[in-house]
């Protein structure tokens, strides 16, 4: 009788162990779950990376648009308020010092100031457009040294070319043409024409 009871208890223990084993994971199940998890993680990472790259490209395009529009509008405003537009060759050494220039100098006249004559022009260097200017009290056109001392202000970044920018003194038209480009992106061209409404000296 005792032997029968022991045999029954052993049989129950074996059955319980078998049931407990059914509740666990096999090696194949673990490997499958790891593989599926890896696929999901890689997919999510790829989507995140693509989204970040797209945002960076969008931000860079916005930056280029802002730079191009700002440069065009800034120079146009200075041209429209000018008292005279003068050929750059009238200023000794200026074209030689700044080879990639816009081809003309803008004059503003302030009769109440001590330094009545304000001259400014723009040139292209190191992927940027720079403004240089000088203030003088004489009617004589200043030399290049006066502009160099006057300081340089950066107007726009990402500028790879200003080809096409120039002035037609006979037609009294100024054309501004700037090509902007980020190191890996496509180039964007900004163009505008302005009529000279002040005296043009050449």
C-alpha atoms as a PDB file:
ATOM      1  CA  UNK A   1       0.000   0.000   0.000  1.00  0.00           C
ATOM      2  CA  UNK A   2       2.806   2.373   0.939  1.00  0.00           C
ATOM      3  CA  UNK A   3       4.624   1.513  -2.263  1.00  0.00           C
ATOM      4  CA  UNK A   4       1.502   2.287  -4.287  1.00  0.00           C
ATOM      5  CA  UNK A   5       1.169   5.714  -2.607  1.00  0.00           C
ATOM      6  CA  UNK A   6       4.830   6.527  -3.295  1.00  0.00           C
ATOM      7  CA  UNK A   7       4.418   5.489  -6.920  1.00  0.00           C
ATOM      8  CA  UNK A   8       1.327   7.735  -7.285  1.00  0.00           C
ATOM      9  CA  UNK A   9       3.156  10.707  -5.731  1.00  0.00           C
ATOM     10  CA  UNK A  10       6.160  10.212  -8.062  1.00  0.00           C
ATOM     11  CA  UNK A  11       3.793  10.074 -11.046  1.00  0.00           C
ATOM     12  CA  UNK A  12       2.136  13.359  -9.929  1.00  0.00           C
ATOM     13  CA  UNK A  13       5.550  15.067  -9.500  1.00  0.00           C
ATOM     14  CA  UNK A  14       6.598  14.007 -12.994  1.00  0.00           C
ATOM     15  CA  UNK A  15       3.313  15.352 -14.419  1.00  0.00           C
ATOM     16  CA  UNK A  16       3.753  18.672 -12.554  1.00  0.00           C
ATOM     17  CA  UNK A  17       7.318  19.027 -13.870  1.00  0.00           C
ATOM     18  CA  UNK A  18       6.107  18.337 -17.399  1.00  0.00           C
ATOM     19  CA  UNK A  19       3.385  20.997 -17.044  1.00  0.00           C
ATOM     20  CA  UNK A  20       5.930  23.498 -15.660  1.00  0.00           C
ATOM     21  CA  UNK A  21       8.198  22.864 -18.644  1.00  0.00           C
ATOM     22  CA  UNK A  22       5.338  23.701 -20.974  1.00  0.00           C
ATOM     23  CA  UNK A  23       5.052  27.164 -19.340  1.00  0.00           C
ATOM     24  CA  UNK A  24       8.701  28.134 -20.216  1.00  0.00           C
ATOM     25  CA  UNK A  25      10.310  29.286 -23.539  1.00  0.00           C
ATOM     26  CA  UNK A  26      12.311  27.059 -25.796  1.00  0.00           C
ATOM     27  CA  UNK A  27      15.612  28.174 -27.340  1.00  0.00           C
ATOM     28  CA  UNK A  28      13.981  28.553 -30.769  1.00  0.00           C
ATOM     29  CA  UNK A  29      11.265  30.804 -29.337  1.00  0.00           C
ATOM     30  CA  UNK A  30      13.876  33.000 -27.651  1.00  0.00           C
ATOM     31  CA  UNK A  31      15.901  33.285 -30.860  1.00  0.00           C
ATOM     32  CA  UNK A  32      12.780  34.141 -32.875  1.00  0.00           C
ATOM     33  CA  UNK A  33      11.734  36.848 -30.408  1.00  0.00           C
ATOM     34  CA  UNK A  34      15.247  38.337 -30.478  1.00  0.00           C
ATOM     35  CA  UNK A  35      15.250  38.358 -34.298  1.00  0.00           C
ATOM     36  CA  UNK A  36      11.823  40.059 -34.483  1.00  0.00           C
ATOM     37  CA  UNK A  37      12.850  42.625 -31.842  1.00  0.00           C
ATOM     38  CA  UNK A  38      16.052  43.389 -33.770  1.00  0.00           C
ATOM     39  CA  UNK A  39      14.094  43.960 -36.999  1.00  0.00           C
ATOM     40  CA  UNK A  40      11.697  46.331 -35.225  1.00  0.00           C
ATOM     41  CA  UNK A  41      14.569  48.285 -33.580  1.00  0.00           C
ATOM     42  CA  UNK A  42      16.504  48.591 -36.876  1.00  0.00           C
ATOM     43  CA  UNK A  43      13.351  49.755 -38.702  1.00  0.00           C
ATOM     44  CA  UNK A  44      12.592  52.380 -36.033  1.00  0.00           C
ATOM     45  CA  UNK A  45      16.213  53.584 -36.098  1.00  0.00           C
ATOM     46  CA  UNK A  46      16.128  53.910 -39.909  1.00  0.00           C
ATOM     47  CA  UNK A  47      12.898  55.937 -39.749  1.00  0.00           C
ATOM     48  CA  UNK A  48      14.358  58.186 -37.035  1.00  0.00           C
ATOM     49  CA  UNK A  49      17.593  58.710 -38.999  1.00  0.00           C
ATOM     50  CA  UNK A  50      15.657  59.543 -42.191  1.00  0.00           C
ATOM     51  CA  UNK A  51      13.460  62.026 -40.292  1.00  0.00           C
ATOM     52  CA  UNK A  52      16.476  63.778 -38.726  1.00  0.00           C
ATOM     53  CA  UNK A  53      18.242  63.995 -42.126  1.00  0.00           C
ATOM     54  CA  UNK A  54      15.097  65.386 -43.780  1.00  0.00           C
ATOM     55  CA  UNK A  55      14.767  68.026 -41.024  1.00  0.00           C
ATOM     56  CA  UNK A  56      18.430  69.042 -41.429  1.00  0.00           C
ATOM     57  CA  UNK A  57      18.039  69.379 -45.217  1.00  0.00           C
ATOM     58  CA  UNK A  58      14.855  71.430 -44.717  1.00  0.00           C
ATOM     59  CA  UNK A  59      16.590  73.720 -42.214  1.00  0.00           C
ATOM     60  CA  UNK A  60      19.546  74.202 -44.576  1.00  0.00           C
ATOM     61  CA  UNK A  61      17.259  75.065 -47.511  1.00  0.00           C
ATOM     62  CA  UNK A  62      15.445  77.597 -45.317  1.00  0.00           C
ATOM     63  CA  UNK A  63      18.790  79.088 -44.286  1.00  0.00           C
ATOM     64  CA  UNK A  64      19.882  79.442 -47.933  1.00  0.00           C
ATOM     65  CA  UNK A  65      16.560  81.056 -48.896  1.00  0.00           C
ATOM     66  CA  UNK A  66      16.834  83.531 -46.012  1.00  0.00           C
ATOM     67  CA  UNK A  67      20.443  84.423 -46.928  1.00  0.00           C
ATOM     68  CA  UNK A  68      19.632  84.917 -50.616  1.00  0.00           C
ATOM     69  CA  UNK A  69      16.513  87.009 -50.047  1.00  0.00           C
ATOM     70  CA  UNK A  70      18.195  89.119 -47.378  1.00  0.00           C
ATOM     71  CA  UNK A  71      21.221  89.891 -49.596  1.00  0.00           C
ATOM     72  CA  UNK A  72      19.051  90.859 -52.583  1.00  0.00           C
ATOM     73  CA  UNK A  73      16.692  93.059 -50.542  1.00  0.00           C
ATOM     74  CA  UNK A  74      19.516  94.686 -48.548  1.00  0.00           C
ATOM     75  CA  UNK A  75      21.458  95.756 -51.659  1.00  0.00           C
ATOM     76  CA  UNK A  76      18.284  96.749 -53.552  1.00  0.00           C
ATOM     77  CA  UNK A  77      17.249  99.035 -50.687  1.00  0.00           C
ATOM     78  CA  UNK A  78      20.662 100.710 -50.680  1.00  0.00           C
ATOM     79  CA  UNK A  79      20.479 101.225 -54.462  1.00  0.00           C
ATOM     80  CA  UNK A  80      16.965 102.701 -54.270  1.00  0.00           C
ATOM     81  CA  UNK A  81      17.974 105.236 -51.601  1.00  0.00           C
ATOM     82  CA  UNK A  82      21.270 106.188 -53.313  1.00  0.00           C
ATOM     83  CA  UNK A  83      22.128 109.760 -54.297  1.00  0.00           C
ATOM     84  CA  UNK A  84      24.417 108.499 -57.075  1.00  0.00           C
ATOM     85  CA  UNK A  85      25.692 105.236 -58.575  1.00  0.00           C
ATOM     86  CA  UNK A  86      29.337 105.427 -59.667  1.00  0.00           C
ATOM     87  CA  UNK A  87      31.418 103.025 -61.774  1.00  0.00           C
ATOM     88  CA  UNK A  88      33.922 101.145 -59.624  1.00  0.00           C
ATOM     89  CA  UNK A  89      36.790 102.110 -61.956  1.00  0.00           C
ATOM     90  CA  UNK A  90      36.490 105.724 -60.740  1.00  0.00           C
ATOM     91  CA  UNK A  91      37.991 104.598 -57.389  1.00  0.00           C
ATOM     92  CA  UNK A  92      41.722 104.022 -57.559  1.00  0.00           C
ATOM     93  CA  UNK A  93      42.742 100.434 -56.743  1.00  0.00           C
ATOM     94  CA  UNK A  94      39.263  99.279 -55.699  1.00  0.00           C
ATOM     95  CA  UNK A  95      38.640  96.844 -58.586  1.00  0.00           C
ATOM     96  CA  UNK A  96      42.149  95.372 -58.269  1.00  0.00           C
ATOM     97  CA  UNK A  97      41.819  94.837 -54.509  1.00  0.00           C
ATOM     98  CA  UNK A  98      38.359  93.246 -54.755  1.00  0.00           C
ATOM     99  CA  UNK A  99      38.263  91.425 -58.088  1.00  0.00           C
ATOM    100  CA  UNK A 100      34.882  89.756 -57.552  1.00  0.00           C
ATOM    101  CA  UNK A 101      32.854  92.933 -57.056  1.00  0.00           C
ATOM    102  CA  UNK A 102      29.392  94.107 -58.138  1.00  0.00           C
ATOM    103  CA  UNK A 103      30.847  96.675 -60.559  1.00  0.00           C
ATOM    104  CA  UNK A 104      29.649  99.918 -58.995  1.00  0.00           C
ATOM    105  CA  UNK A 105      29.818 102.066 -55.856  1.00  0.00           C
ATOM    106  CA  UNK A 106      26.778 103.530 -54.098  1.00  0.00           C
ATOM    107  CA  UNK A 107      26.929 107.120 -52.846  1.00  0.00           C
ATOM    108  CA  UNK A 108      24.771 108.541 -50.052  1.00  0.00           C
ATOM    109  CA  UNK A 109      25.059 112.247 -49.319  1.00  0.00           C
ATOM    110  CA  UNK A 110      24.397 113.588 -45.797  1.00  0.00           C
ATOM    111  CA  UNK A 111      24.818 117.403 -45.930  1.00  0.00           C
ATOM    112  CA  UNK A 112      24.389 117.901 -42.160  1.00  0.00           C
ATOM    113  CA  UNK A 113      27.166 115.450 -41.196  1.00  0.00           C
ATOM    114  CA  UNK A 114      30.864 116.281 -40.928  1.00  0.00           C
ATOM    115  CA  UNK A 115      31.674 113.354 -43.199  1.00  0.00           C
ATOM    116  CA  UNK A 116      29.051 114.123 -45.832  1.00  0.00           C
ATOM    117  CA  UNK A 117      29.883 111.488 -48.425  1.00  0.00           C
ATOM    118  CA  UNK A 118      29.189 107.815 -47.723  1.00  0.00           C
ATOM    119  CA  UNK A 119      30.500 105.337 -50.321  1.00  0.00           C
ATOM    120  CA  UNK A 120      29.757 101.617 -50.242  1.00  0.00           C
ATOM    121  CA  UNK A 121      30.130  98.580 -52.494  1.00  0.00           C
ATOM    122  CA  UNK A 122      29.938  94.780 -52.288  1.00  0.00           C
ATOM    123  CA  UNK A 123      32.277  91.928 -53.156  1.00  0.00           C
ATOM    124  CA  UNK A 124      32.327  88.113 -53.080  1.00  0.00           C
ATOM    125  CA  UNK A 125      34.874  86.131 -51.063  1.00  0.00           C
ATOM    126  CA  UNK A 126      35.005  82.771 -49.204  1.00  0.00           C
ATOM    127  CA  UNK A 127      31.370  81.852 -49.972  1.00  0.00           C
ATOM    128  CA  UNK A 128      30.057  85.147 -48.670  1.00  0.00           C
ATOM    129  CA  UNK A 129      28.964  88.588 -49.834  1.00  0.00           C
ATOM    130  CA  UNK A 130      30.645  91.447 -47.979  1.00  0.00           C
ATOM    131  CA  UNK A 131      29.837  95.159 -47.805  1.00  0.00           C
ATOM    132  CA  UNK A 132      32.636  97.701 -47.540  1.00  0.00           C
ATOM    133  CA  UNK A 133      32.142 101.395 -46.990  1.00  0.00           C
ATOM    134  CA  UNK A 134      33.807 104.647 -46.087  1.00  0.00           C
ATOM    135  CA  UNK A 135      32.767 108.160 -45.023  1.00  0.00           C
ATOM    136  CA  UNK A 136      34.697 111.198 -46.264  1.00  0.00           C
ATOM    137  CA  UNK A 137      34.293 114.982 -46.197  1.00  0.00           C
ATOM    138  CA  UNK A 138      35.678 115.658 -49.675  1.00  0.00           C
ATOM    139  CA  UNK A 139      34.030 115.490 -53.088  1.00  0.00           C
ATOM    140  CA  UNK A 140      37.100 113.651 -54.386  1.00  0.00           C
ATOM    141  CA  UNK A 141      36.575 109.905 -54.758  1.00  0.00           C
ATOM    142  CA  UNK A 142      38.391 107.997 -51.988  1.00  0.00           C
ATOM    143  CA  UNK A 143      41.148 105.470 -52.700  1.00  0.00           C
ATOM    144  CA  UNK A 144      40.994 101.762 -51.870  1.00  0.00           C
ATOM    145  CA  UNK A 145      42.855 102.301 -48.560  1.00  0.00           C
ATOM    146  CA  UNK A 146      39.927 104.352 -47.293  1.00  0.00           C
ATOM    147  CA  UNK A 147      37.526 101.460 -47.975  1.00  0.00           C
ATOM    148  CA  UNK A 148      39.856  98.933 -46.349  1.00  0.00           C
ATOM    149  CA  UNK A 149      39.960 100.994 -43.145  1.00  0.00           C
ATOM    150  CA  UNK A 150      36.184 101.439 -43.191  1.00  0.00           C
ATOM    151  CA  UNK A 151      35.456  97.820 -42.278  1.00  0.00           C
ATOM    152  CA  UNK A 152      33.775  94.800 -43.839  1.00  0.00           C
ATOM    153  CA  UNK A 153      30.273  93.554 -42.996  1.00  0.00           C
ATOM    154  CA  UNK A 154      29.110  90.091 -44.071  1.00  0.00           C
ATOM    155  CA  UNK A 155      25.701  90.276 -45.746  1.00  0.00           C
ATOM    156  CA  UNK A 156      25.154  86.622 -46.757  1.00  0.00           C
ATOM    157  CA  UNK A 157      26.656  83.125 -46.432  1.00  0.00           C
ATOM    158  CA  UNK A 158      26.613  80.104 -48.813  1.00  0.00           C
ATOM    159  CA  UNK A 159      27.278  82.331 -51.867  1.00  0.00           C
ATOM    160  CA  UNK A 160      29.260  80.374 -54.490  1.00  0.00           C
ATOM    161  CA  UNK A 161      29.007  82.910 -57.332  1.00  0.00           C
ATOM    162  CA  UNK A 162      27.935  86.472 -58.188  1.00  0.00           C
ATOM    163  CA  UNK A 163      28.351  85.955 -61.951  1.00  0.00           C
ATOM    164  CA  UNK A 164      25.707  87.917 -63.832  1.00  0.00           C
ATOM    165  CA  UNK A 165      25.762  90.809 -61.360  1.00  0.00           C
ATOM    166  CA  UNK A 166      26.549  94.126 -63.005  1.00  0.00           C
ATOM    167  CA  UNK A 167      25.368  97.503 -64.211  1.00  0.00           C
ATOM    168  CA  UNK A 168      24.264  98.817 -67.598  1.00  0.00           C
ATOM    169  CA  UNK A 169      24.944 102.565 -67.453  1.00  0.00           C
ATOM    170  CA  UNK A 170      23.309 103.224 -70.818  1.00  0.00           C
ATOM    171  CA  UNK A 171      20.030 101.541 -69.874  1.00  0.00           C
ATOM    172  CA  UNK A 172      20.288 102.657 -66.204  1.00  0.00           C
ATOM    173  CA  UNK A 173      19.678  99.097 -64.971  1.00  0.00           C
ATOM    174  CA  UNK A 174      21.439  97.134 -62.237  1.00  0.00           C
ATOM    175  CA  UNK A 175      21.169  93.340 -62.245  1.00  0.00           C
ATOM    176  CA  UNK A 176      21.920  91.331 -59.120  1.00  0.00           C
ATOM    177  CA  UNK A 177      22.497  87.596 -59.552  1.00  0.00           C
ATOM    178  CA  UNK A 178      23.668  85.429 -56.642  1.00  0.00           C
ATOM    179  CA  UNK A 179      24.098  81.637 -56.636  1.00  0.00           C
ATOM    180  CA  UNK A 180      23.838  80.084 -53.187  1.00  0.00           C
ATOM    181  CA  UNK A 181      24.641  76.469 -52.346  1.00  0.00           C
ATOM    182  CA  UNK A 182      25.227  74.323 -49.281  1.00  0.00           C
ATOM    183  CA  UNK A 183      28.229  71.953 -49.508  1.00  0.00           C
ATOM    184  CA  UNK A 184      26.104  68.883 -50.418  1.00  0.00           C
ATOM    185  CA  UNK A 185      22.864  70.501 -51.639  1.00  0.00           C
ATOM    186  CA  UNK A 186      21.606  71.868 -54.933  1.00  0.00           C
ATOM    187  CA  UNK A 187      22.309  75.442 -55.945  1.00  0.00           C
ATOM    188  CA  UNK A 188      19.679  78.191 -55.816  1.00  0.00           C
ATOM    189  CA  UNK A 189      19.898  81.318 -57.979  1.00  0.00           C
ATOM    190  CA  UNK A 190      18.536  84.677 -56.789  1.00  0.00           C
ATOM    191  CA  UNK A 191      18.034  87.330 -59.484  1.00  0.00           C
ATOM    192  CA  UNK A 192      16.597  90.814 -59.586  1.00  0.00           C
ATOM    193  CA  UNK A 193      16.807  93.983 -61.680  1.00  0.00           C
ATOM    194  CA  UNK A 194      16.703  97.552 -60.375  1.00  0.00           C
ATOM    195  CA  UNK A 195      16.213 100.753 -62.331  1.00  0.00           C
ATOM    196  CA  UNK A 196      18.684 103.508 -61.391  1.00  0.00           C
ATOM    197  CA  UNK A 197      16.621 106.547 -60.371  1.00  0.00           C
ATOM    198  CA  UNK A 198      19.590 108.704 -59.367  1.00  0.00           C
ATOM    199  CA  UNK A 199      22.547 110.067 -61.360  1.00  0.00           C
ATOM    200  CA  UNK A 200      24.780 107.323 -62.804  1.00  0.00           C
ATOM    201  CA  UNK A 201      28.446 108.332 -63.197  1.00  0.00           C
ATOM    202  CA  UNK A 202      30.773 106.330 -65.433  1.00  0.00           C
END
